[in-house]
Amino acid sequence: HVLRVLGAMSNMVKAQKMPPVTRSTHRCRDCEFKNY
């Protein structure tokens, strides 16, 4: 699973495509990137 996550991260960086927002939006409250 760790290898799959690393692969997904690499693919996202290479594709330069913004992923969907997290389903647990309560996590966004204290996020350092909330304003962006």
All heavy atoms as atom14 arrays in JSON, in Angstrom:
{
  "sequence": "HVLRVLGAMSNMVKAQKMPPVTRSTHRCRDCEFKNY",
  "atom14_mask": [
    [1, 1, 1, 1, 1, 1, 1, 1, 1, 1, 0, 0, 0, 0],
    [1, 1, 1, 1, 1, 1, 1, 0, 0, 0, 0, 0, 0, 0],
    [1, 1, 1, 1, 1, 1, 1, 1, 0, 0, 0, 0, 0, 0],
    [1, 1, 1, 1, 1, 1, 1, 1, 1, 1, 1, 0, 0, 0],
    [1, 1, 1, 1, 1, 1, 1, 0, 0, 0, 0, 0, 0, 0],
    [1, 1, 1, 1, 1, 1, 1, 1, 0, 0, 0, 0, 0, 0],
    [1, 1, 1, 1, 0, 0, 0, 0, 0, 0, 0, 0, 0, 0],
    [1, 1, 1, 1, 1, 0, 0, 0, 0, 0, 0, 0, 0, 0],
    [1, 1, 1, 1, 1, 1, 1, 1, 0, 0, 0, 0, 0, 0],
    [1, 1, 1, 1, 1, 1, 0, 0, 0, 0, 0, 0, 0, 0],
    [1, 1, 1, 1, 1, 1, 1, 1, 0, 0, 0, 0, 0, 0],
    [1, 1, 1, 1, 1, 1, 1, 1, 0, 0, 0, 0, 0, 0],
    [1, 1, 1, 1, 1, 1, 1, 0, 0, 0, 0, 0, 0, 0],
    [1, 1, 1, 1, 1, 1, 1, 1, 1, 0, 0, 0, 0, 0],
    [1, 1, 1, 1, 1, 0, 0, 0, 0, 0, 0, 0, 0, 0],
    [1, 1, 1, 1, 1, 1, 1, 1, 1, 0, 0, 0, 0, 0],
    [1, 1, 1, 1, 1, 1, 1, 1, 1, 0, 0, 0, 0, 0],
    [1, 1, 1, 1, 1, 1, 1, 1, 0, 0, 0, 0, 0, 0],
    [1, 1, 1, 1, 1, 1, 1, 0, 0, 0, 0, 0, 0, 0],
    [1, 1, 1, 1, 1, 1, 1, 0, 0, 0, 0, 0, 0, 0],
    [1, 1, 1, 1, 1, 1, 1, 0, 0, 0, 0, 0, 0, 0],
    [1, 1, 1, 1, 1, 1, 1, 0, 0, 0, 0, 0, 0, 0],
    [1, 1, 1, 1, 1, 1, 1, 1, 1, 1, 1, 0, 0, 0],
    [1, 1, 1, 1, 1, 1, 0, 0, 0, 0, 0, 0, 0, 0],
    [1, 1, 1, 1, 1, 1, 1, 0, 0, 0, 0, 0, 0, 0],
    [1, 1, 1, 1, 1, 1, 1, 1, 1, 1, 0, 0, 0, 0],
    [1, 1, 1, 1, 1, 1, 1, 1, 1, 1, 1, 0, 0, 0],
    [1, 1, 1, 1, 1, 1, 0, 0, 0, 0, 0, 0, 0, 0],
    [1, 1, 1, 1, 1, 1, 1, 1, 1, 1, 1, 0, 0, 0],
    [1, 1, 1, 1, 1, 1, 1, 1, 0, 0, 0, 0, 0, 0],
    [1, 1, 1, 1, 1, 1, 0, 0, 0, 0, 0, 0, 0, 0],
    [1, 1, 1, 1, 1, 1, 1, 1, 1, 0, 0, 0, 0, 0],
    [1, 1, 1, 1, 1, 1, 1, 1, 1, 1, 1, 0, 0, 0],
    [1, 1, 1, 1, 1, 1, 1, 1, 1, 0, 0, 0, 0, 0],
    [1, 1, 1, 1, 1, 1, 1, 1, 0, 0, 0, 0, 0, 0],
    [1, 1, 1, 1, 1, 1, 1, 1, 1, 1, 1, 1, 0, 0]
  ],
  "atom14_positions": [
    [[0.83, -1.2, 0.0], [0.0, 0.0, 0.0], [0.87, 1.25, 0.0], [0.55, 2.23, -0.69], [-0.94, 0.0, 1.2], [-1.93, 1.12, 1.17], [-3.01, 1.14, 0.29], [-2.0, 2.28, 1.88], [-3.7, 2.26, 0.47], [-3.11, 2.97, 1.42], [0.0, 0.0, 0.0], [0.0, 0.0, 0.0], [0.0, 0.0, 0.0], [0.0, 0.0, 0.0]],
    [[1.95, 1.24, 0.76], [2.86, 2.39, 0.77], [3.42, 2.63, -0.63], [3.5, 3.77, -1.11], [4.0, 2.18, 1.78], [5.12, 3.2, 1.57], [3.47, 2.28, 3.21], [0.0, 0.0, 0.0], [0.0, 0.0, 0.0], [0.0, 0.0, 0.0], [0.0, 0.0, 0.0], [0.0, 0.0, 0.0], [0.0, 0.0, 0.0], [0.0, 0.0, 0.0]],
    [[3.81, 1.55, -1.31], [4.33, 1.7, -2.67], [3.27, 2.28, -3.62], [3.58, 3.09, -4.49], [4.83, 0.35, -3.2], [6.05, -0.25, -2.49], [6.4, -1.59, -3.11], [7.24, 0.7, -2.55], [0.0, 0.0, 0.0], [0.0, 0.0, 0.0], [0.0, 0.0, 0.0], [0.0, 0.0, 0.0], [0.0, 0.0, 0.0], [0.0, 0.0, 0.0]],
    [[2.03, 1.86, -3.43], [0.95, 2.39, -4.27], [0.74, 3.88, -4.02], [0.5, 4.65, -4.95], [-0.33, 1.61, -4.01], [-0.32, 0.19, -4.59], [-1.53, -0.59, -4.15], [-1.54, -1.93, -4.75], [-2.28, -2.94, -4.32], [-3.08, -2.76, -3.26], [-2.23, -4.11, -4.91], [0.0, 0.0, 0.0], [0.0, 0.0, 0.0], [0.0, 0.0, 0.0]],
    [[0.81, 4.27, -2.76], [0.65, 5.69, -2.43], [1.8, 6.5, -3.05], [1.57, 7.57, -3.63], [0.61, 5.89, -0.9], [0.7, 7.38, -0.55], [-0.67, 5.3, -0.33], [0.0, 0.0, 0.0], [0.0, 0.0, 0.0], [0.0, 0.0, 0.0], [0.0, 0.0, 0.0], [0.0, 0.0, 0.0], [0.0, 0.0, 0.0], [0.0, 0.0, 0.0]],
    [[3.02, 5.98, -2.95], [4.15, 6.67, -3.55], [3.98, 6.79, -5.06], [4.3, 7.83, -5.66], [5.45, 5.94, -3.22], [5.95, 6.07, -1.78], [7.11, 5.11, -1.54], [6.37, 7.49, -1.48], [0.0, 0.0, 0.0], [0.0, 0.0, 0.0], [0.0, 0.0, 0.0], [0.0, 0.0, 0.0], [0.0, 0.0, 0.0], [0.0, 0.0, 0.0]],
    [[3.48, 5.74, -5.68], [3.23, 5.78, -7.12], [2.17, 6.8, -7.48], [2.32, 7.54, -8.46], [0.0, 0.0, 0.0], [0.0, 0.0, 0.0], [0.0, 0.0, 0.0], [0.0, 0.0, 0.0], [0.0, 0.0, 0.0], [0.0, 0.0, 0.0], [0.0, 0.0, 0.0], [0.0, 0.0, 0.0], [0.0, 0.0, 0.0], [0.0, 0.0, 0.0]],
    [[1.11, 6.87, -6.7], [0.04, 7.84, -6.95], [0.55, 9.27, -6.77], [0.2, 10.17, -7.56], [-1.13, 7.56, -6.01], [0.0, 0.0, 0.0], [0.0, 0.0, 0.0], [0.0, 0.0, 0.0], [0.0, 0.0, 0.0], [0.0, 0.0, 0.0], [0.0, 0.0, 0.0], [0.0, 0.0, 0.0], [0.0, 0.0, 0.0], [0.0, 0.0, 0.0]],
    [[1.38, 9.49, -5.77], [1.95, 10.81, -5.55], [2.83, 11.21, -6.73], [2.77, 12.36, -7.22], [2.75, 10.82, -4.24], [1.86, 10.82, -3.01], [2.71, 10.36, -1.46], [4.17, 11.34, -1.51], [0.0, 0.0, 0.0], [0.0, 0.0, 0.0], [0.0, 0.0, 0.0], [0.0, 0.0, 0.0], [0.0, 0.0, 0.0], [0.0, 0.0, 0.0]],
    [[3.67, 10.29, -7.18], [4.55, 10.58, -8.31], [3.76, 10.9, -9.57], [4.08, 11.84, -10.3], [5.48, 9.38, -8.56], [6.36, 9.18, -7.49], [0.0, 0.0, 0.0], [0.0, 0.0, 0.0], [0.0, 0.0, 0.0], [0.0, 0.0, 0.0], [0.0, 0.0, 0.0], [0.0, 0.0, 0.0], [0.0, 0.0, 0.0], [0.0, 0.0, 0.0]],
    [[2.7, 10.11, -9.81], [1.87, 10.34, -11.0], [1.19, 11.7, -10.94], [1.07, 12.38, -11.97], [0.82, 9.23, -11.12], [1.44, 7.9, -11.5], [2.53, 7.84, -12.06], [0.76, 6.81, -11.18], [0.0, 0.0, 0.0], [0.0, 0.0, 0.0], [0.0, 0.0, 0.0], [0.0, 0.0, 0.0], [0.0, 0.0, 0.0], [0.0, 0.0, 0.0]],
    [[0.73, 12.09, -9.75], [0.08, 13.37, -9.62], [1.05, 14.52, -9.9], [0.71, 15.49, -10.57], [-0.51, 13.53, -8.22], [-1.3, 14.83, -8.03], [-1.79, 15.09, -6.31], [-0.21, 15.4, -5.56], [0.0, 0.0, 0.0], [0.0, 0.0, 0.0], [0.0, 0.0, 0.0], [0.0, 0.0, 0.0], [0.0, 0.0, 0.0], [0.0, 0.0, 0.0]],
    [[2.27, 14.41, -9.37], [3.26, 15.45, -9.59], [3.62, 15.54, -11.07], [3.74, 16.64, -11.63], [4.51, 15.18, -8.72], [5.64, 16.14, -9.1], [4.18, 15.32, -7.24], [0.0, 0.0, 0.0], [0.0, 0.0, 0.0], [0.0, 0.0, 0.0], [0.0, 0.0, 0.0], [0.0, 0.0, 0.0], [0.0, 0.0, 0.0], [0.0, 0.0, 0.0]],
    [[3.77, 14.39, -11.72], [4.12, 14.4, -13.13], [2.99, 14.95, -13.99], [3.22, 15.68, -14.96], [4.5, 12.98, -13.58], [5.86, 12.53, -13.07], [6.28, 11.21, -13.68], [5.42, 10.06, -13.19], [5.91, 8.75, -13.71], [0.0, 0.0, 0.0], [0.0, 0.0, 0.0], [0.0, 0.0, 0.0], [0.0, 0.0, 0.0], [0.0, 0.0, 0.0]],
    [[1.74, 14.6, -13.64], [0.59, 15.07, -14.41], [0.27, 16.53, -14.12], [-0.39, 17.2, -14.93], [-0.63, 14.2, -14.11], [0.0, 0.0, 0.0], [0.0, 0.0, 0.0], [0.0, 0.0, 0.0], [0.0, 0.0, 0.0], [0.0, 0.0, 0.0], [0.0, 0.0, 0.0], [0.0, 0.0, 0.0], [0.0, 0.0, 0.0], [0.0, 0.0, 0.0]],
    [[0.72, 17.04, -12.97], [0.47, 18.42, -12.55], [-1.03, 18.74, -12.57], [-1.45, 19.82, -12.99], [1.25, 19.4, -13.44], [2.75, 19.21, -13.36], [3.52, 20.31, -14.06], [2.96, 21.25, -14.61], [4.82, 20.21, -14.04], [0.0, 0.0, 0.0], [0.0, 0.0, 0.0], [0.0, 0.0, 0.0], [0.0, 0.0, 0.0], [0.0, 0.0, 0.0]],
    [[-1.81, 17.8, -12.07], [-3.26, 17.97, -12.04], [-3.75, 17.98, -10.6], [-3.41, 17.09, -9.82], [-3.93, 16.83, -12.81], [-5.45, 16.94, -12.88], [-6.05, 15.8, -13.69], [-7.57, 15.91, -13.74], [-8.16, 14.78, -14.51], [0.0, 0.0, 0.0], [0.0, 0.0, 0.0], [0.0, 0.0, 0.0], [0.0, 0.0, 0.0], [0.0, 0.0, 0.0]],
    [[-4.56, 18.98, -10.26], [-5.06, 19.08, -8.89], [-6.03, 17.94, -8.6], [-6.98, 17.72, -9.34], [-5.76, 20.42, -8.66], [-6.3, 20.57, -7.23], [-7.21, 22.11, -6.95], [-5.84, 23.27, -6.85], [0.0, 0.0, 0.0], [0.0, 0.0, 0.0], [0.0, 0.0, 0.0], [0.0, 0.0, 0.0], [0.0, 0.0, 0.0], [0.0, 0.0, 0.0]],
    [[-5.81, 17.21, -7.51], [-6.71, 16.1, -7.17], [-7.98, 16.63, -6.53], [-8.06, 17.8, -6.14], [-5.87, 15.3, -6.16], [-5.01, 16.32, -5.52], [-4.67, 17.32, -6.59], [0.0, 0.0, 0.0], [0.0, 0.0, 0.0], [0.0, 0.0, 0.0], [0.0, 0.0, 0.0], [0.0, 0.0, 0.0], [0.0, 0.0, 0.0], [0.0, 0.0, 0.0]],
    [[-9.01, 15.77, -6.42], [-10.26, 16.2, -5.76], [-10.01, 16.57, -4.3], [-9.05, 16.11, -3.68], [-11.16, 14.96, -5.86], [-10.56, 14.14, -6.96], [-9.09, 14.4, -6.93], [0.0, 0.0, 0.0], [0.0, 0.0, 0.0], [0.0, 0.0, 0.0], [0.0, 0.0, 0.0], [0.0, 0.0, 0.0], [0.0, 0.0, 0.0], [0.0, 0.0, 0.0]],
    [[-10.88, 17.41, -3.76], [-10.77, 17.79, -2.37], [-11.11, 16.58, -1.49], [-11.84, 15.68, -1.89], [-11.73, 18.97, -2.06], [-13.2, 18.53, -2.16], [-11.44, 19.56, -0.69], [0.0, 0.0, 0.0], [0.0, 0.0, 0.0], [0.0, 0.0, 0.0], [0.0, 0.0, 0.0], [0.0, 0.0, 0.0], [0.0, 0.0, 0.0], [0.0, 0.0, 0.0]],
    [[-10.53, 16.55, -0.28], [-10.83, 15.46, 0.64], [-12.31, 15.4, 0.96], [-13.0, 16.43, 1.03], [-10.02, 15.62, 1.94], [-10.39, 14.59, 2.86], [-10.3, 16.97, 2.61], [0.0, 0.0, 0.0], [0.0, 0.0, 0.0], [0.0, 0.0, 0.0], [0.0, 0.0, 0.0], [0.0, 0.0, 0.0], [0.0, 0.0, 0.0], [0.0, 0.0, 0.0]],
    [[-12.83, 14.19, 1.16], [-14.24, 14.04, 1.51], [-14.51, 14.52, 2.93], [-15.64, 14.89, 3.27], [-14.66, 12.57, 1.37], [-14.61, 12.05, -0.07], [-15.0, 10.59, -0.13], [-14.93, 10.06, -1.48], [-15.19, 8.8, -1.81], [-15.53, 7.93, -0.86], [-15.1, 8.4, -3.06], [0.0, 0.0, 0.0], [0.0, 0.0, 0.0], [0.0, 0.0, 0.0]],
    [[-13.49, 14.48, 3.77], [-13.63, 14.9, 5.17], [-13.27, 16.38, 5.27], [-12.17, 16.75, 5.67], [-12.74, 14.05, 6.08], [-13.03, 12.68, 5.93], [0.0, 0.0, 0.0], [0.0, 0.0, 0.0], [0.0, 0.0, 0.0], [0.0, 0.0, 0.0], [0.0, 0.0, 0.0], [0.0, 0.0, 0.0], [0.0, 0.0, 0.0], [0.0, 0.0, 0.0]],
    [[-14.21, 17.25, 4.91], [-13.91, 18.67, 4.81], [-13.66, 19.32, 6.17], [-13.14, 20.45, 6.22], [-15.04, 19.41, 4.08], [-16.29, 19.11, 4.73], [-15.12, 18.98, 2.62], [0.0, 0.0, 0.0], [0.0, 0.0, 0.0], [0.0, 0.0, 0.0], [0.0, 0.0, 0.0], [0.0, 0.0, 0.0], [0.0, 0.0, 0.0], [0.0, 0.0, 0.0]],
    [[-13.99, 18.63, 7.27], [-13.65, 19.2, 8.58], [-12.14, 19.3, 8.76], [-11.65, 20.09, 9.57], [-14.25, 18.34, 9.7], [-13.65, 16.98, 9.81], [-14.07, 15.91, 9.03], [-12.65, 16.5, 10.6], [-13.37, 14.84, 9.33], [-12.49, 15.16, 10.26], [0.0, 0.0, 0.0], [0.0, 0.0, 0.0], [0.0, 0.0, 0.0], [0.0, 0.0, 0.0]],
    [[-11.39, 18.53, 7.97], [-9.93, 18.59, 8.04], [-9.39, 19.91, 7.51], [-8.25, 20.29, 7.78], [-9.32, 17.43, 7.24], [-9.66, 16.05, 7.79], [-9.16, 14.98, 6.87], [-9.35, 13.64, 7.44], [-9.09, 12.5, 6.8], [-8.61, 12.55, 5.55], [-9.3, 11.34, 7.39], [0.0, 0.0, 0.0], [0.0, 0.0, 0.0], [0.0, 0.0, 0.0]],
    [[-10.19, 20.61, 6.73], [-9.73, 21.84, 6.09], [-9.65, 23.01, 7.06], [-9.02, 24.03, 6.76], [-10.66, 22.2, 4.93], [-10.89, 20.87, 3.73], [0.0, 0.0, 0.0], [0.0, 0.0, 0.0], [0.0, 0.0, 0.0], [0.0, 0.0, 0.0], [0.0, 0.0, 0.0], [0.0, 0.0, 0.0], [0.0, 0.0, 0.0], [0.0, 0.0, 0.0]],
    [[-10.29, 22.87, 8.22], [-10.41, 24.0, 9.15], [-9.05, 24.59, 9.53], [-8.88, 25.79, 9.56], [-11.17, 23.55, 10.4], [-11.55, 24.68, 11.33], [-12.31, 24.16, 12.54], [-13.47, 23.37, 12.14], [-13.61, 22.06, 12.4], [-12.65, 21.4, 13.03], [-14.69, 21.42, 12.02], [0.0, 0.0, 0.0], [0.0, 0.0, 0.0], [0.0, 0.0, 0.0]],
    [[-8.09, 23.73, 9.83], [-6.78, 24.19, 10.28], [-5.69, 24.01, 9.24], [-4.51, 24.06, 9.56], [-6.38, 23.44, 11.56], [-7.32, 23.71, 12.72], [-7.72, 24.88, 12.89], [-7.67, 22.77, 13.45], [0.0, 0.0, 0.0], [0.0, 0.0, 0.0], [0.0, 0.0, 0.0], [0.0, 0.0, 0.0], [0.0, 0.0, 0.0], [0.0, 0.0, 0.0]],
    [[-6.09, 23.82, 7.98], [-5.11, 23.53, 6.93], [-4.31, 24.79, 6.57], [-4.87, 25.89, 6.42], [-5.81, 22.99, 5.69], [-4.67, 22.62, 4.34], [0.0, 0.0, 0.0], [0.0, 0.0, 0.0], [0.0, 0.0, 0.0], [0.0, 0.0, 0.0], [0.0, 0.0, 0.0], [0.0, 0.0, 0.0], [0.0, 0.0, 0.0], [0.0, 0.0, 0.0]],
    [[-3.01, 24.61, 6.39], [-2.14, 25.74, 6.03], [-2.38, 26.23, 4.6], [-1.97, 27.33, 4.23], [-0.68, 25.32, 6.19], [-0.28, 24.13, 5.33], [1.1, 23.61, 5.65], [2.02, 24.44, 5.8], [1.27, 22.38, 5.76], [0.0, 0.0, 0.0], [0.0, 0.0, 0.0], [0.0, 0.0, 0.0], [0.0, 0.0, 0.0], [0.0, 0.0, 0.0]],
    [[-3.07, 25.42, 3.77], [-3.34, 25.79, 2.39], [-4.79, 26.19, 2.15], [-5.22, 26.3, 1.0], [-2.96, 24.64, 1.45], [-1.51, 24.26, 1.51], [-1.13, 23.02, 2.01], [-0.53, 25.12, 1.09], [0.21, 22.66, 2.08], [0.81, 24.78, 1.15], [1.19, 23.55, 1.65], [0.0, 0.0, 0.0], [0.0, 0.0, 0.0], [0.0, 0.0, 0.0]],
    [[-5.53, 26.4, 3.21], [-6.97, 26.68, 3.09], [-7.25, 27.85, 2.18], [-8.21, 27.82, 1.4], [-7.55, 26.91, 4.48], [-9.04, 27.18, 4.5], [-9.56, 27.39, 5.9], [-11.04, 27.67, 5.93], [-11.54, 27.86, 7.29], [0.0, 0.0, 0.0], [0.0, 0.0, 0.0], [0.0, 0.0, 0.0], [0.0, 0.0, 0.0], [0.0, 0.0, 0.0]],
    [[-6.45, 28.89, 2.25], [-6.71, 30.09, 1.46], [-6.49, 29.89, -0.04], [-6.93, 30.72, -0.84], [-5.84, 31.25, 1.94], [-6.21, 31.7, 3.34], [-7.32, 31.45, 3.81], [-5.27, 32.35, 4.02], [0.0, 0.0, 0.0], [0.0, 0.0, 0.0], [0.0, 0.0, 0.0], [0.0, 0.0, 0.0], [0.0, 0.0, 0.0], [0.0, 0.0, 0.0]],
    [[-5.8, 28.81, -0.41], [-5.5, 28.59, -1.83], [-6.36, 27.49, -2.45], [-6.31, 27.29, -3.66], [-4.02, 28.2, -1.99], [-3.07, 29.21, -1.39], [-2.54, 29.0, -0.13], [-2.73, 30.37, -2.08], [-1.65, 29.92, 0.43], [-1.87, 31.3, -1.53], [-1.34, 31.06, -0.27], [-0.48, 31.98, 0.27], [0.0, 0.0, 0.0], [0.0, 0.0, 0.0]]
  ]
}
